[in-house]
Amino acid sequence: MKRYYYLSDDLDDLEAVEQELEEGGVTQPQIHVLSEQDGEVERHRLHEVEPVLKQDVVHSTELGALIGVVAAALVLLVSYFSGMTTSVGWTPFVFLAIVALGFCTWEGGMFGIQQPHRAFRKYRGELNAGRHLFFVDVEPAQEAVLARVVGAHPRLEAAGTGASTPRWVIRLQNKWKAFIHTMP
């Protein structure tokens, strides 16, 4: 899958684009709008980016966990090579390693919640100027539908491509949506 980014000033046009993409077989979990005008996006019934995904929480938490693994390994190695495990045992050092891992992971997430998502940083100026970022994750078979719909909307400005949400995540979201709609 591949992600296509577009910029626009017109939420009405984006609403029409989203509708046409859905009619062409692109599902709602594949379509997102990022804007500083959340209320307007909601009024237009556009699929907006979840607030937690606007920030770099996931990436920073993963990075914090990686640093935590290194810190935990360092605690265990130092305790082993210093000979302290023979006198006190492994238990306090294992707990300290777990605490180090947890703390670094938590700190990574706390750092990430203060940063805009790394994929959206380059669009910060456009978003602050009142424009809207529209992006679509498409499979190769859906690229023709995207090209047709985008071609019919000249106000959409191509803004690049990038890595998409994994296919399995989108499929899970589609199955969840179908499950929820079958509930009484």
Protein backbone atom coordinates (compact mmCIF):
# COMPACT_ATOMS: atom_id res chain seq x y z
CA MET A 1 0.00 0.00 0.00
CA LYS A 2 1.02 3.57 -0.59
CA ARG A 3 -0.12 6.85 0.99
CA TYR A 4 -0.91 9.87 -1.18
CA TYR A 5 -1.05 13.34 0.37
CA TYR A 6 -3.07 16.28 -0.96
CA LEU A 7 -3.61 19.84 0.27
CA SER A 8 -6.85 21.75 -0.07
CA ASP A 9 -8.58 24.90 1.14
CA ASP A 10 -12.10 23.57 0.59
CA LEU A 11 -13.71 21.09 3.00
CA ASP A 12 -16.80 20.82 0.77
CA ASP A 13 -14.57 19.59 -2.05
CA LEU A 14 -12.83 17.14 0.30
CA GLU A 15 -16.21 15.81 1.38
CA ALA A 16 -17.08 15.15 -2.27
CA VAL A 17 -13.67 13.51 -2.86
CA GLU A 18 -14.14 11.22 0.14
CA GLN A 19 -17.63 10.26 -1.02
CA GLU A 20 -16.41 9.47 -4.55
CA LEU A 21 -13.49 7.41 -3.24
CA GLU A 22 -15.82 5.37 -1.03
CA GLU A 23 -18.14 4.80 -3.99
CA GLY A 24 -15.07 3.59 -5.92
CA GLY A 25 -14.22 0.97 -3.28
CA VAL A 26 -11.77 2.84 -1.06
CA THR A 27 -12.89 2.25 2.52
CA GLN A 28 -13.20 4.87 5.23
CA PRO A 29 -10.19 3.64 7.27
CA GLN A 30 -8.03 4.39 4.21
CA ILE A 31 -9.09 8.07 4.04
CA HIS A 32 -8.10 10.82 6.49
CA VAL A 33 -8.22 14.58 6.83
CA LEU A 34 -5.82 16.48 9.06
CA SER A 35 -6.74 20.06 9.84
CA GLU A 36 -6.39 22.67 12.53
CA GLN A 37 -10.16 23.22 12.16
CA ASP A 38 -11.41 20.04 13.83
CA GLY A 39 -14.94 21.36 14.32
CA GLU A 40 -15.34 22.12 10.62
CA VAL A 41 -13.95 18.71 9.65
CA GLU A 42 -16.47 17.04 11.97
CA ARG A 43 -19.36 19.12 10.57
CA HIS A 44 -18.46 17.97 7.06
CA ARG A 45 -18.50 14.35 8.24
CA LEU A 46 -14.96 13.75 7.06
CA HIS A 47 -12.84 10.96 8.50
CA GLU A 48 -10.40 12.92 10.64
CA VAL A 49 -7.12 11.76 12.10
CA GLU A 50 -7.45 10.45 15.65
CA PRO A 51 -6.02 12.96 18.16
CA VAL A 52 -3.42 10.52 19.49
CA LEU A 53 -2.18 9.89 15.93
CA LYS A 54 -1.66 13.61 15.32
CA GLN A 55 1.19 13.42 17.81
CA ASP A 56 4.33 11.30 17.56
CA VAL A 57 3.35 9.09 20.51
CA VAL A 58 3.67 5.69 18.84
CA HIS A 59 7.07 6.31 17.24
CA SER A 60 8.50 7.95 20.36
CA THR A 61 7.17 5.17 22.61
CA GLU A 62 8.85 2.59 20.37
CA LEU A 63 12.09 4.56 20.50
CA GLY A 64 11.79 4.86 24.29
CA ALA A 65 11.23 1.11 24.55
CA LEU A 66 14.34 0.47 22.47
CA ILE A 67 16.37 2.73 24.77
CA GLY A 68 14.75 0.93 27.73
CA VAL A 69 15.87 -2.45 26.44
CA VAL A 70 19.44 -1.14 26.21
CA ALA A 71 19.19 0.34 29.72
CA ALA A 72 17.75 -2.91 31.12
CA ALA A 73 20.52 -4.95 29.47
CA LEU A 74 23.10 -2.52 30.84
CA VAL A 75 21.71 -2.90 34.38
CA LEU A 76 21.86 -6.69 34.11
CA LEU A 77 25.35 -6.72 32.60
CA VAL A 78 26.80 -4.31 35.16
CA SER A 79 25.24 -6.24 38.04
CA TYR A 80 26.60 -9.54 36.68
CA PHE A 81 30.13 -8.34 35.95
CA SER A 82 30.38 -6.44 39.23
CA GLY A 83 29.71 -9.66 41.12
CA MET A 84 26.82 -8.16 43.09
CA THR A 85 24.44 -10.90 41.96
CA THR A 86 26.39 -13.49 43.98
CA SER A 87 25.87 -11.63 47.24
CA VAL A 88 22.35 -10.20 46.78
CA GLY A 89 20.88 -12.42 44.07
CA TRP A 90 19.28 -11.51 40.75
CA THR A 91 15.88 -10.33 41.99
CA PRO A 92 16.66 -6.65 42.74
CA PHE A 93 18.55 -6.25 39.46
CA VAL A 94 15.81 -7.87 37.40
CA PHE A 95 13.29 -5.52 39.01
CA LEU A 96 15.57 -2.56 38.37
CA ALA A 97 15.90 -3.62 34.72
CA ILE A 98 12.10 -3.85 34.42
CA VAL A 99 11.74 -0.39 35.98
CA ALA A 100 14.34 1.04 33.60
CA LEU A 101 12.54 -0.46 30.60
CA GLY A 102 9.15 0.83 31.78
CA PHE A 103 10.45 4.29 32.62
CA CYS A 104 12.21 4.76 29.28
CA THR A 105 9.15 3.56 27.38
CA TRP A 106 6.89 5.90 29.35
CA GLU A 107 9.25 8.84 28.90
CA GLY A 108 9.39 8.17 25.16
CA GLY A 109 5.60 8.36 24.99
CA MET A 110 5.55 11.54 27.07
CA PHE A 111 8.09 13.13 24.75
CA GLY A 112 6.11 12.03 21.69
CA ILE A 113 2.84 13.50 22.92
CA GLN A 114 4.50 16.92 22.78
CA GLN A 115 5.66 16.53 19.16
CA PRO A 116 3.61 16.54 15.95
CA HIS A 117 3.63 13.23 14.11
CA ARG A 118 6.81 12.94 12.08
CA ALA A 119 4.86 12.29 8.83
CA PHE A 120 2.93 15.56 9.24
CA ARG A 121 5.75 17.90 10.34
CA LYS A 122 6.53 19.07 6.82
CA TYR A 123 2.90 20.20 6.40
CA ARG A 124 2.78 22.19 9.66
CA GLY A 125 3.08 25.56 7.86
CA GLU A 126 0.25 24.72 5.47
CA LEU A 127 -1.96 23.52 8.33
CA ASN A 128 -1.24 26.65 10.37
CA ALA A 129 -2.21 28.72 7.33
CA GLY A 130 -5.68 27.15 7.39
CA ARG A 131 -5.24 24.49 4.73
CA HIS A 132 -6.28 20.87 5.14
CA LEU A 133 -4.17 17.77 4.56
CA PHE A 134 -6.09 14.98 2.85
CA PHE A 135 -4.39 11.61 2.60
CA VAL A 136 -5.40 8.24 1.25
CA ASP A 137 -3.82 4.81 1.71
CA VAL A 138 -4.43 2.78 -1.45
CA GLU A 139 -3.57 -0.65 -2.74
CA PRO A 140 -2.11 -0.87 -6.25
CA ALA A 141 -5.51 -1.96 -7.63
CA GLN A 142 -7.13 1.20 -6.21
CA GLU A 143 -4.66 3.70 -7.69
CA ALA A 144 -6.78 4.10 -10.86
CA VAL A 145 -9.82 5.05 -8.76
CA LEU A 146 -7.73 7.58 -6.84
CA ALA A 147 -6.30 9.07 -10.05
CA ARG A 148 -9.79 9.38 -11.58
CA VAL A 149 -11.29 11.05 -8.49
CA VAL A 150 -8.34 13.39 -7.93
CA GLY A 151 -8.35 14.32 -11.62
CA ALA A 152 -11.97 15.44 -11.29
CA HIS A 153 -11.06 17.83 -8.44
CA PRO A 154 -8.54 20.39 -9.68
CA ARG A 155 -8.50 22.23 -6.33
CA LEU A 156 -6.63 19.30 -4.75
CA GLU A 157 -2.91 19.95 -4.73
CA ALA A 158 -0.66 16.87 -4.74
CA ALA A 159 1.64 17.07 -1.73
CA GLY A 160 3.64 13.85 -1.89
CA THR A 161 3.59 10.19 -1.01
CA GLY A 162 4.68 8.12 1.93
CA ALA A 163 4.35 4.89 3.86
CA SER A 164 0.79 3.86 4.56
CA THR A 165 -0.94 2.24 7.47
CA PRO A 166 -0.25 -1.51 7.26
CA ARG A 167 -2.80 -3.42 5.17
CA TRP A 168 -3.66 -5.72 8.08
CA VAL A 169 -4.58 -2.74 10.29
CA ILE A 170 -6.95 -1.36 7.66
CA ARG A 171 -8.52 -4.79 7.17
CA LEU A 172 -8.99 -5.11 10.94
CA GLN A 173 -10.65 -1.67 11.03
CA ASN A 174 -12.97 -2.68 8.18
CA LYS A 175 -13.92 -5.92 9.96
CA TRP A 176 -14.51 -4.03 13.22
CA LYS A 177 -16.74 -1.51 11.45
CA ALA A 178 -18.72 -4.34 9.82
CA PHE A 179 -19.05 -6.08 13.19
CA ILE A 180 -20.30 -2.92 14.89
CA HIS A 181 -22.89 -2.33 12.16
CA THR A 182 -24.29 -5.85 12.65
CA MET A 183 -24.81 -5.31 16.37
CA PRO A 184 -28.42 -4.67 17.47
